[in-house]
Amino acid sequence: MKKYVTARLLKEIDRMVKGPDGLDGDYFIDAQDWDKEWEDNIVVSALAEQGTKASMNVQFKGPNMSRNVRVNLLQQQGTWKVDKVEELDR
């Protein structure tokens, strides 16, 4: 995952996993389950870029379950990497 995710985020995920409550689901989709309908129903917003930082909203749409997250990217050594995923549904 080091190719696609910042070292900072990898450390954060590791702390979550080892924390008292653990990591209760998939960090990147902010959900415990994957809806098969999402495979053909992922909507990504335009990339908002500011220098070495960027973000985009990603919607996983399904008839039974949908998720909305913001993916924050950081440019490191010429490569965009995921630095944080924030849920937008709450």
PDB file of N, CA and C in Angstrom:
ATOM      1  N   MET A   1       0.818  -1.191   0.000  1.00  0.00           N
ATOM      2  CA  MET A   1       0.000   0.000   0.000  1.00  0.00           C
ATOM      3  C   MET A   1       0.863   1.257   0.000  1.00  0.00           C
ATOM      4  N   LYS A   2       2.125   1.133   0.334  1.00  0.00           N
ATOM      5  CA  LYS A   2       3.000   2.311   0.399  1.00  0.00           C
ATOM      6  C   LYS A   2       3.045   3.075  -0.917  1.00  0.00           C
ATOM      7  N   LYS A   3       2.776   2.397  -2.007  1.00  0.00           N
ATOM      8  CA  LYS A   3       2.788   3.036  -3.323  1.00  0.00           C
ATOM      9  C   LYS A   3       1.612   4.004  -3.486  1.00  0.00           C
ATOM     10  N   TYR A   4       0.503   3.762  -2.779  1.00  0.00           N
ATOM     11  CA  TYR A   4      -0.726   4.518  -2.980  1.00  0.00           C
ATOM     12  C   TYR A   4      -1.174   5.342  -1.765  1.00  0.00           C
ATOM     13  N   VAL A   5      -0.588   5.089  -0.604  1.00  0.00           N
ATOM     14  CA  VAL A   5      -1.035   5.698   0.648  1.00  0.00           C
ATOM     15  C   VAL A   5       0.162   6.316   1.363  1.00  0.00           C
ATOM     16  N   THR A   6      -0.031   7.495   1.971  1.00  0.00           N
ATOM     17  CA  THR A   6       1.068   8.147   2.683  1.00  0.00           C
ATOM     18  C   THR A   6       1.465   7.344   3.922  1.00  0.00           C
ATOM     19  N   ALA A   7       2.710   7.513   4.323  1.00  0.00           N
ATOM     20  CA  ALA A   7       3.207   6.849   5.535  1.00  0.00           C
ATOM     21  C   ALA A   7       2.411   7.324   6.752  1.00  0.00           C
ATOM     22  N   ARG A   8       2.019   8.596   6.763  1.00  0.00           N
ATOM     23  CA  ARG A   8       1.232   9.128   7.869  1.00  0.00           C
ATOM     24  C   ARG A   8      -0.076   8.371   8.024  1.00  0.00           C
ATOM     25  N   LEU A   9      -0.769   8.131   6.904  1.00  0.00           N
ATOM     26  CA  LEU A   9      -2.038   7.415   6.960  1.00  0.00           C
ATOM     27  C   LEU A   9      -1.835   5.959   7.366  1.00  0.00           C
ATOM     28  N   LEU A  10      -0.802   5.329   6.882  1.00  0.00           N
ATOM     29  CA  LEU A  10      -0.533   3.943   7.286  1.00  0.00           C
ATOM     30  C   LEU A  10      -0.340   3.846   8.796  1.00  0.00           C
ATOM     31  N   LYS A  11       0.366   4.816   9.382  1.00  0.00           N
ATOM     32  CA  LYS A  11       0.562   4.834  10.839  1.00  0.00           C
ATOM     33  C   LYS A  11      -0.768   5.047  11.558  1.00  0.00           C
ATOM     34  N   GLU A  12      -1.603   5.945  11.024  1.00  0.00           N
ATOM     35  CA  GLU A  12      -2.908   6.210  11.630  1.00  0.00           C
ATOM     36  C   GLU A  12      -3.782   4.963  11.619  1.00  0.00           C
ATOM     37  N   ILE A  13      -3.815   4.264  10.497  1.00  0.00           N
ATOM     38  CA  ILE A  13      -4.604   3.030  10.398  1.00  0.00           C
ATOM     39  C   ILE A  13      -4.072   1.985  11.369  1.00  0.00           C
ATOM     40  N   ASP A  14      -2.751   1.879  11.479  1.00  0.00           N
ATOM     41  CA  ASP A  14      -2.139   0.923  12.399  1.00  0.00           C
ATOM     42  C   ASP A  14      -2.535   1.241  13.843  1.00  0.00           C
ATOM     43  N   ARG A  15      -2.548   2.528  14.208  1.00  0.00           N
ATOM     44  CA  ARG A  15      -2.971   2.922  15.556  1.00  0.00           C
ATOM     45  C   ARG A  15      -4.430   2.557  15.792  1.00  0.00           C
ATOM     46  N   MET A  16      -5.263   2.746  14.772  1.00  0.00           N
ATOM     47  CA  MET A  16      -6.688   2.392  14.908  1.00  0.00           C
ATOM     48  C   MET A  16      -6.853   0.896  15.151  1.00  0.00           C
ATOM     49  N   VAL A  17      -6.149   0.108  14.372  1.00  0.00           N
ATOM     50  CA  VAL A  17      -6.243  -1.346  14.478  1.00  0.00           C
ATOM     51  C   VAL A  17      -5.816  -1.812  15.865  1.00  0.00           C
ATOM     52  N   LYS A  18      -4.743  -1.216  16.383  1.00  0.00           N
ATOM     53  CA  LYS A  18      -4.206  -1.621  17.684  1.00  0.00           C
ATOM     54  C   LYS A  18      -4.888  -0.925  18.860  1.00  0.00           C
ATOM     55  N   GLY A  19      -5.779   0.025  18.581  1.00  0.00           N
ATOM     56  CA  GLY A  19      -6.458   0.778  19.628  1.00  0.00           C
ATOM     57  C   GLY A  19      -7.465  -0.062  20.385  1.00  0.00           C
ATOM     58  N   PRO A  20      -8.024   0.494  21.459  1.00  0.00           N
ATOM     59  CA  PRO A  20      -8.951  -0.270  22.314  1.00  0.00           C
ATOM     60  C   PRO A  20     -10.214  -0.731  21.586  1.00  0.00           C
ATOM     61  N   ASP A  21     -10.671   0.032  20.588  1.00  0.00           N
ATOM     62  CA  ASP A  21     -11.882  -0.341  19.860  1.00  0.00           C
ATOM     63  C   ASP A  21     -11.591  -1.040  18.540  1.00  0.00           C
ATOM     64  N   GLY A  22     -10.318  -1.103  18.167  1.00  0.00           N
ATOM     65  CA  GLY A  22      -9.954  -1.712  16.898  1.00  0.00           C
ATOM     66  C   GLY A  22     -10.452  -0.888  15.727  1.00  0.00           C
ATOM     67  N   LEU A  23     -10.376  -1.423  14.552  1.00  0.00           N
ATOM     68  CA  LEU A  23     -10.885  -0.778  13.345  1.00  0.00           C
ATOM     69  C   LEU A  23     -12.087  -1.590  12.901  1.00  0.00           C
ATOM     70  N   ASP A  24     -13.261  -1.049  13.081  1.00  0.00           N
ATOM     71  CA  ASP A  24     -14.504  -1.786  12.860  1.00  0.00           C
ATOM     72  C   ASP A  24     -15.034  -1.552  11.449  1.00  0.00           C
ATOM     73  N   GLY A  25     -14.322  -2.042  10.453  1.00  0.00           N
ATOM     74  CA  GLY A  25     -14.742  -1.883   9.067  1.00  0.00           C
ATOM     75  C   GLY A  25     -13.576  -1.514   8.184  1.00  0.00           C
ATOM     76  N   ASP A  26     -13.875  -1.229   6.946  1.00  0.00           N
ATOM     77  CA  ASP A  26     -12.861  -0.851   5.968  1.00  0.00           C
ATOM     78  C   ASP A  26     -12.631   0.660   6.036  1.00  0.00           C
ATOM     79  N   TYR A  27     -11.412   1.071   6.301  1.00  0.00           N
ATOM     80  CA  TYR A  27     -11.099   2.491   6.440  1.00  0.00           C
ATOM     81  C   TYR A  27     -11.432   3.268   5.165  1.00  0.00           C
ATOM     82  N   PHE A  28     -11.133   2.725   4.003  1.00  0.00           N
ATOM     83  CA  PHE A  28     -11.227   3.470   2.749  1.00  0.00           C
ATOM     84  C   PHE A  28     -12.650   3.694   2.259  1.00  0.00           C
ATOM     85  N   ILE A  29     -13.578   2.831   2.626  1.00  0.00           N
ATOM     86  CA  ILE A  29     -14.976   3.040   2.231  1.00  0.00           C
ATOM     87  C   ILE A  29     -15.848   3.400   3.429  1.00  0.00           C
ATOM     88  N   ASP A  30     -15.231   3.427   4.611  1.00  0.00           N
ATOM     89  CA  ASP A  30     -15.940   3.770   5.844  1.00  0.00           C
ATOM     90  C   ASP A  30     -17.196   2.919   6.005  1.00  0.00           C
ATOM     91  N   ALA A  31     -17.032   1.623   5.837  1.00  0.00           N
ATOM     92  CA  ALA A  31     -18.173   0.702   5.959  1.00  0.00           C
ATOM     93  C   ALA A  31     -17.672  -0.676   6.384  1.00  0.00           C
ATOM     94  N   GLN A  32     -18.568  -1.435   6.981  1.00  0.00           N
ATOM     95  CA  GLN A  32     -18.234  -2.799   7.373  1.00  0.00           C
ATOM     96  C   GLN A  32     -18.433  -3.779   6.227  1.00  0.00           C
ATOM     97  N   ASP A  33     -19.318  -3.437   5.326  1.00  0.00           N
ATOM     98  CA  ASP A  33     -19.655  -4.354   4.232  1.00  0.00           C
ATOM     99  C   ASP A  33     -19.491  -3.668   2.885  1.00  0.00           C
ATOM    100  N   TRP A  34     -19.301  -4.466   1.861  1.00  0.00           N
ATOM    101  CA  TRP A  34     -19.221  -4.002   0.476  1.00  0.00           C
ATOM    102  C   TRP A  34     -20.508  -4.422  -0.216  1.00  0.00           C
ATOM    103  N   ASP A  35     -21.208  -3.467  -0.795  1.00  0.00           N
ATOM    104  CA  ASP A  35     -22.432  -3.761  -1.531  1.00  0.00           C
ATOM    105  C   ASP A  35     -22.046  -4.091  -2.974  1.00  0.00           C
ATOM    106  N   LYS A  36     -22.407  -5.244  -3.443  1.00  0.00           N
ATOM    107  CA  LYS A  36     -22.080  -5.687  -4.804  1.00  0.00           C
ATOM    108  C   LYS A  36     -22.534  -4.665  -5.849  1.00  0.00           C
ATOM    109  N   GLU A  37     -23.620  -3.950  -5.580  1.00  0.00           N
ATOM    110  CA  GLU A  37     -24.138  -2.938  -6.501  1.00  0.00           C
ATOM    111  C   GLU A  37     -23.158  -1.777  -6.704  1.00  0.00           C
ATOM    112  N   TRP A  38     -22.279  -1.542  -5.749  1.00  0.00           N
ATOM    113  CA  TRP A  38     -21.332  -0.433  -5.853  1.00  0.00           C
ATOM    114  C   TRP A  38     -20.369  -0.593  -7.024  1.00  0.00           C
ATOM    115  N   GLU A  39     -20.081  -1.812  -7.408  1.00  0.00           N
ATOM    116  CA  GLU A  39     -19.087  -2.055  -8.451  1.00  0.00           C
ATOM    117  C   GLU A  39     -19.371  -1.296  -9.740  1.00  0.00           C
ATOM    118  N   ASP A  40     -20.628  -1.106 -10.054  1.00  0.00           N
ATOM    119  CA  ASP A  40     -21.013  -0.397 -11.274  1.00  0.00           C
ATOM    120  C   ASP A  40     -21.595   0.986 -10.984  1.00  0.00           C
ATOM    121  N   ASN A  41     -21.517   1.421  -9.727  1.00  0.00           N
ATOM    122  CA  ASN A  41     -22.157   2.681  -9.339  1.00  0.00           C
ATOM    123  C   ASN A  41     -21.260   3.527  -8.434  1.00  0.00           C
ATOM    124  N   ILE A  42     -20.058   3.786  -8.882  1.00  0.00           N
ATOM    125  CA  ILE A  42     -19.134   4.651  -8.156  1.00  0.00           C
ATOM    126  C   ILE A  42     -19.044   5.966  -8.913  1.00  0.00           C
ATOM    127  N   VAL A  43     -19.302   7.067  -8.198  1.00  0.00           N
ATOM    128  CA  VAL A  43     -19.269   8.400  -8.792  1.00  0.00           C
ATOM    129  C   VAL A  43     -18.169   9.195  -8.104  1.00  0.00           C
ATOM    130  N   VAL A  44     -17.270   9.758  -8.897  1.00  0.00           N
ATOM    131  CA  VAL A  44     -16.151  10.535  -8.368  1.00  0.00           C
ATOM    132  C   VAL A  44     -16.293  11.978  -8.847  1.00  0.00           C
ATOM    133  N   SER A  45     -16.205  12.924  -7.914  1.00  0.00           N
ATOM    134  CA  SER A  45     -16.311  14.341  -8.273  1.00  0.00           C
ATOM    135  C   SER A  45     -15.025  14.810  -8.951  1.00  0.00           C
ATOM    136  N   ALA A  46     -15.074  16.013  -9.473  1.00  0.00           N
ATOM    137  CA  ALA A  46     -13.874  16.620 -10.037  1.00  0.00           C
ATOM    138  C   ALA A  46     -12.847  16.808  -8.921  1.00  0.00           C
ATOM    139  N   LEU A  47     -11.599  16.697  -9.270  1.00  0.00           N
ATOM    140  CA  LEU A  47     -10.506  16.857  -8.319  1.00  0.00           C
ATOM    141  C   LEU A  47     -10.311  18.330  -8.015  1.00  0.00           C
ATOM    142  N   ALA A  48     -10.300  18.674  -6.734  1.00  0.00           N
ATOM    143  CA  ALA A  48     -10.011  20.044  -6.300  1.00  0.00           C
ATOM    144  C   ALA A  48      -8.554  20.058  -5.843  1.00  0.00           C
ATOM    145  N   GLU A  49      -7.709  20.748  -6.584  1.00  0.00           N
ATOM    146  CA  GLU A  49      -6.268  20.709  -6.330  1.00  0.00           C
ATOM    147  C   GLU A  49      -5.767  22.068  -5.854  1.00  0.00           C
ATOM    148  N   GLN A  50      -4.946  22.043  -4.794  1.00  0.00           N
ATOM    149  CA  GLN A  50      -4.302  23.250  -4.284  1.00  0.00           C
ATOM    150  C   GLN A  50      -2.856  22.904  -3.959  1.00  0.00           C
ATOM    151  N   GLY A  51      -1.963  23.206  -4.883  1.00  0.00           N
ATOM    152  CA  GLY A  51      -0.549  22.899  -4.674  1.00  0.00           C
ATOM    153  C   GLY A  51      -0.309  21.404  -4.582  1.00  0.00           C
ATOM    154  N   THR A  52       0.226  20.966  -3.435  1.00  0.00           N
ATOM    155  CA  THR A  52       0.538  19.547  -3.249  1.00  0.00           C
ATOM    156  C   THR A  52      -0.588  18.789  -2.556  1.00  0.00           C
ATOM    157  N   LYS A  53      -1.744  19.462  -2.384  1.00  0.00           N
ATOM    158  CA  LYS A  53      -2.902  18.809  -1.773  1.00  0.00           C
ATOM    159  C   LYS A  53      -4.062  18.805  -2.760  1.00  0.00           C
ATOM    160  N   ALA A  54      -4.886  17.779  -2.651  1.00  0.00           N
ATOM    161  CA  ALA A  54      -6.067  17.682  -3.511  1.00  0.00           C
ATOM    162  C   ALA A  54      -7.127  16.861  -2.787  1.00  0.00           C
ATOM    163  N   SER A  55      -8.372  17.015  -3.219  1.00  0.00           N
ATOM    164  CA  SER A  55      -9.441  16.201  -2.647  1.00  0.00           C
ATOM    165  C   SER A  55     -10.507  15.954  -3.702  1.00  0.00           C
ATOM    166  N   MET A  56     -11.274  14.904  -3.461  1.00  0.00           N
ATOM    167  CA  MET A  56     -12.396  14.565  -4.326  1.00  0.00           C
ATOM    168  C   MET A  56     -13.413  13.817  -3.486  1.00  0.00           C
ATOM    169  N   ASN A  57     -14.663  13.937  -3.864  1.00  0.00           N
ATOM    170  CA  ASN A  57     -15.718  13.180  -3.200  1.00  0.00           C
ATOM    171  C   ASN A  57     -15.996  11.924  -4.009  1.00  0.00           C
ATOM    172  N   VAL A  58     -16.232  10.828  -3.291  1.00  0.00           N
ATOM    173  CA  VAL A  58     -16.526   9.552  -3.935  1.00  0.00           C
ATOM    174  C   VAL A  58     -17.828   9.019  -3.350  1.00  0.00           C
ATOM    175  N   GLN A  59     -18.753   8.668  -4.244  1.00  0.00           N
ATOM    176  CA  GLN A  59     -20.029   8.090  -3.830  1.00  0.00           C
ATOM    177  C   GLN A  59     -20.082   6.642  -4.283  1.00  0.00           C
ATOM    178  N   PHE A  60     -20.416   5.766  -3.345  1.00  0.00           N
ATOM    179  CA  PHE A  60     -20.675   4.363  -3.649  1.00  0.00           C
ATOM    180  C   PHE A  60     -22.184   4.223  -3.547  1.00  0.00           C
ATOM    181  N   LYS A  61     -22.868   4.069  -4.693  1.00  0.00           N
ATOM    182  CA  LYS A  61     -24.332   4.081  -4.712  1.00  0.00           C
ATOM    183  C   LYS A  61     -24.892   2.676  -4.898  1.00  0.00           C
ATOM    184  N   GLY A  62     -25.907   2.382  -4.109  1.00  0.00           N
ATOM    185  CA  GLY A  62     -26.590   1.110  -4.226  1.00  0.00           C
ATOM    186  C   GLY A  62     -28.019   1.255  -3.736  1.00  0.00           C
ATOM    187  N   PRO A  63     -28.907   0.356  -4.153  1.00  0.00           N
ATOM    188  CA  PRO A  63     -30.305   0.465  -3.747  1.00  0.00           C
ATOM    189  C   PRO A  63     -30.509   0.209  -2.252  1.00  0.00           C
ATOM    190  N   ASN A  64     -29.629  -0.566  -1.642  1.00  0.00           N
ATOM    191  CA  ASN A  64     -29.782  -0.911  -0.232  1.00  0.00           C
ATOM    192  C   ASN A  64     -28.844  -0.137   0.689  1.00  0.00           C
ATOM    193  N   MET A  65     -27.713   0.308   0.144  1.00  0.00           N
ATOM    194  CA  MET A  65     -26.727   0.967   0.974  1.00  0.00           C
ATOM    195  C   MET A  65     -25.875   1.887   0.103  1.00  0.00           C
ATOM    196  N   SER A  66     -25.650   3.094   0.576  1.00  0.00           N
ATOM    197  CA  SER A  66     -24.786   4.043  -0.125  1.00  0.00           C
ATOM    198  C   SER A  66     -23.784   4.617   0.861  1.00  0.00           C
ATOM    199  N   ARG A  67     -22.641   5.028   0.366  1.00  0.00           N
ATOM    200  CA  ARG A  67     -21.599   5.651   1.191  1.00  0.00           C
ATOM    201  C   ARG A  67     -21.081   6.853   0.425  1.00  0.00           C
ATOM    202  N   ASN A  68     -20.738   7.907   1.165  1.00  0.00           N
ATOM    203  CA  ASN A  68     -20.150   9.109   0.589  1.00  0.00           C
ATOM    204  C   ASN A  68     -18.912   9.457   1.402  1.00  0.00           C
ATOM    205  N   VAL A  69     -17.775   9.561   0.727  1.00  0.00           N
ATOM    206  CA  VAL A  69     -16.529   9.887   1.414  1.00  0.00           C
ATOM    207  C   VAL A  69     -15.770  10.965   0.638  1.00  0.00           C
ATOM    208  N   ARG A  70     -14.922  11.680   1.362  1.00  0.00           N
ATOM    209  CA  ARG A  70     -13.997  12.624   0.734  1.00  0.00           C
ATOM    210  C   ARG A  70     -12.608  12.007   0.842  1.00  0.00           C
ATOM    211  N   VAL A  71     -11.933  11.916  -0.281  1.00  0.00           N
ATOM    212  CA  VAL A  71     -10.583  11.375  -0.325  1.00  0.00           C
ATOM    213  C   VAL A  71      -9.612  12.544  -0.457  1.00  0.00           C
ATOM    214  N   ASN A  72      -8.742  12.681   0.543  1.00  0.00           N
ATOM    215  CA  ASN A  72      -7.725  13.722   0.529  1.00  0.00           C
ATOM    216  C   ASN A  72      -6.413  13.124   0.053  1.00  0.00           C
ATOM    217  N   LEU A  73      -5.804  13.781  -0.921  1.00  0.00           N
ATOM    218  CA  LEU A  73      -4.565  13.306  -1.519  1.00  0.00           C
ATOM    219  C   LEU A  73      -3.431  14.266  -1.199  1.00  0.00           C
ATOM    220  N   LEU A  74      -2.220  13.733  -1.192  1.00  0.00           N
ATOM    221  CA  LEU A  74      -1.031  14.527  -0.968  1.00  0.00           C
ATOM    222  C   LEU A  74      -0.003  14.111  -2.015  1.00  0.00           C
ATOM    223  N   GLN A  75       0.596  15.094  -2.643  1.00  0.00           N
ATOM    224  CA  GLN A  75       1.608  14.777  -3.662  1.00  0.00           C
ATOM    225  C   GLN A  75       2.959  14.612  -2.978  1.00  0.00           C
ATOM    226  N   GLN A  76       3.553  13.459  -3.180  1.00  0.00           N
ATOM    227  CA  GLN A  76       4.859  13.157  -2.603  1.00  0.00           C
ATOM    228  C   GLN A  76       5.761  12.607  -3.690  1.00  0.00           C
ATOM    229  N   GLN A  77       6.868  13.286  -3.913  1.00  0.00           N
ATOM    230  CA  GLN A  77       7.848  12.873  -4.921  1.00  0.00           C
ATOM    231  C   GLN A  77       7.191  12.653  -6.280  1.00  0.00           C
ATOM    232  N   GLY A  78       6.289  13.577  -6.639  1.00  0.00           N
ATOM    233  CA  GLY A  78       5.644  13.537  -7.948  1.00  0.00           C
ATOM    234  C   GLY A  78       4.495  12.565  -8.082  1.00  0.00           C
ATOM    235  N   THR A  79       4.106  11.923  -6.983  1.00  0.00           N
ATOM    236  CA  THR A  79       3.032  10.931  -7.017  1.00  0.00           C
ATOM    237  C   THR A  79       1.927  11.331  -6.050  1.00  0.00           C
ATOM    238  N   TRP A  80       0.675  11.241  -6.498  1.00  0.00           N
ATOM    239  CA  TRP A  80      -0.457  11.514  -5.621  1.00  0.00           C
ATOM    240  C   TRP A  80      -0.743  10.277  -4.786  1.00  0.00           C
ATOM    241  N   LYS A  81      -0.856  10.481  -3.450  1.00  0.00           N
ATOM    242  CA  LYS A  81      -1.149   9.380  -2.542  1.00  0.00           C
ATOM    243  C   LYS A  81      -2.328   9.756  -1.645  1.00  0.00           C
ATOM    244  N   VAL A  82      -3.093   8.756  -1.249  1.00  0.00           N
ATOM    245  CA  VAL A  82      -4.202   8.973  -0.328  1.00  0.00           C
ATOM    246  C   VAL A  82      -3.617   9.308   1.044  1.00  0.00           C
ATOM    247  N   ASP A  83      -4.092  10.421   1.634  1.00  0.00           N
ATOM    248  CA  ASP A  83      -3.596  10.839   2.944  1.00  0.00           C
ATOM    249  C   ASP A  83      -4.686  10.783   4.012  1.00  0.00           C
ATOM    250  N   LYS A  84      -5.947  10.799   3.591  1.00  0.00           N
ATOM    251  CA  LYS A  84      -7.040  10.714   4.556  1.00  0.00           C
ATOM    252  C   LYS A  84      -8.339  10.452   3.805  1.00  0.00           C
ATOM    253  N   VAL A  85      -9.222   9.682   4.437  1.00  0.00           N
ATOM    254  CA  VAL A  85     -10.569   9.483   3.898  1.00  0.00           C
ATOM    255  C   VAL A  85     -11.535   9.892   5.000  1.00  0.00           C
ATOM    256  N   GLU A  86     -12.451  10.797   4.657  1.00  0.00           N
ATOM    257  CA  GLU A  86     -13.421  11.292   5.623  1.00  0.00           C
ATOM    258  C   GLU A  86     -14.820  10.883   5.189  1.00  0.00           C
ATOM    259  N   GLU A  87     -15.598  10.354   6.115  1.00  0.00           N
ATOM    260  CA  GLU A  87     -16.973  10.013   5.776  1.00  0.00           C
ATOM    261  C   GLU A  87     -17.806  11.276   5.740  1.00  0.00           C
ATOM    262  N   LEU A  88     -18.739  11.343   4.832  1.00  0.00           N
ATOM    263  CA  LEU A  88     -19.590  12.506   4.658  1.00  0.00           C
ATOM    264  C   LEU A  88     -21.044  12.243   5.011  1.00  0.00           C
ATOM    265  N   ASP A  89     -21.357  11.031   5.441  1.00  0.00           N
ATOM    266  CA  ASP A  89     -22.753  10.662   5.686  1.00  0.00           C
ATOM    267  C   ASP A  89     -23.273  11.067   7.058  1.00  0.00           C
ATOM    268  N   ARG A  90     -22.406  11.382   7.980  1.00  0.00           N
ATOM    269  CA  ARG A  90     -22.851  11.676   9.359  1.00  0.00           C
ATOM    270  C   ARG A  90     -22.956  13.137   9.594  1.00  0.00           C
TER     271      ARG A  90
END
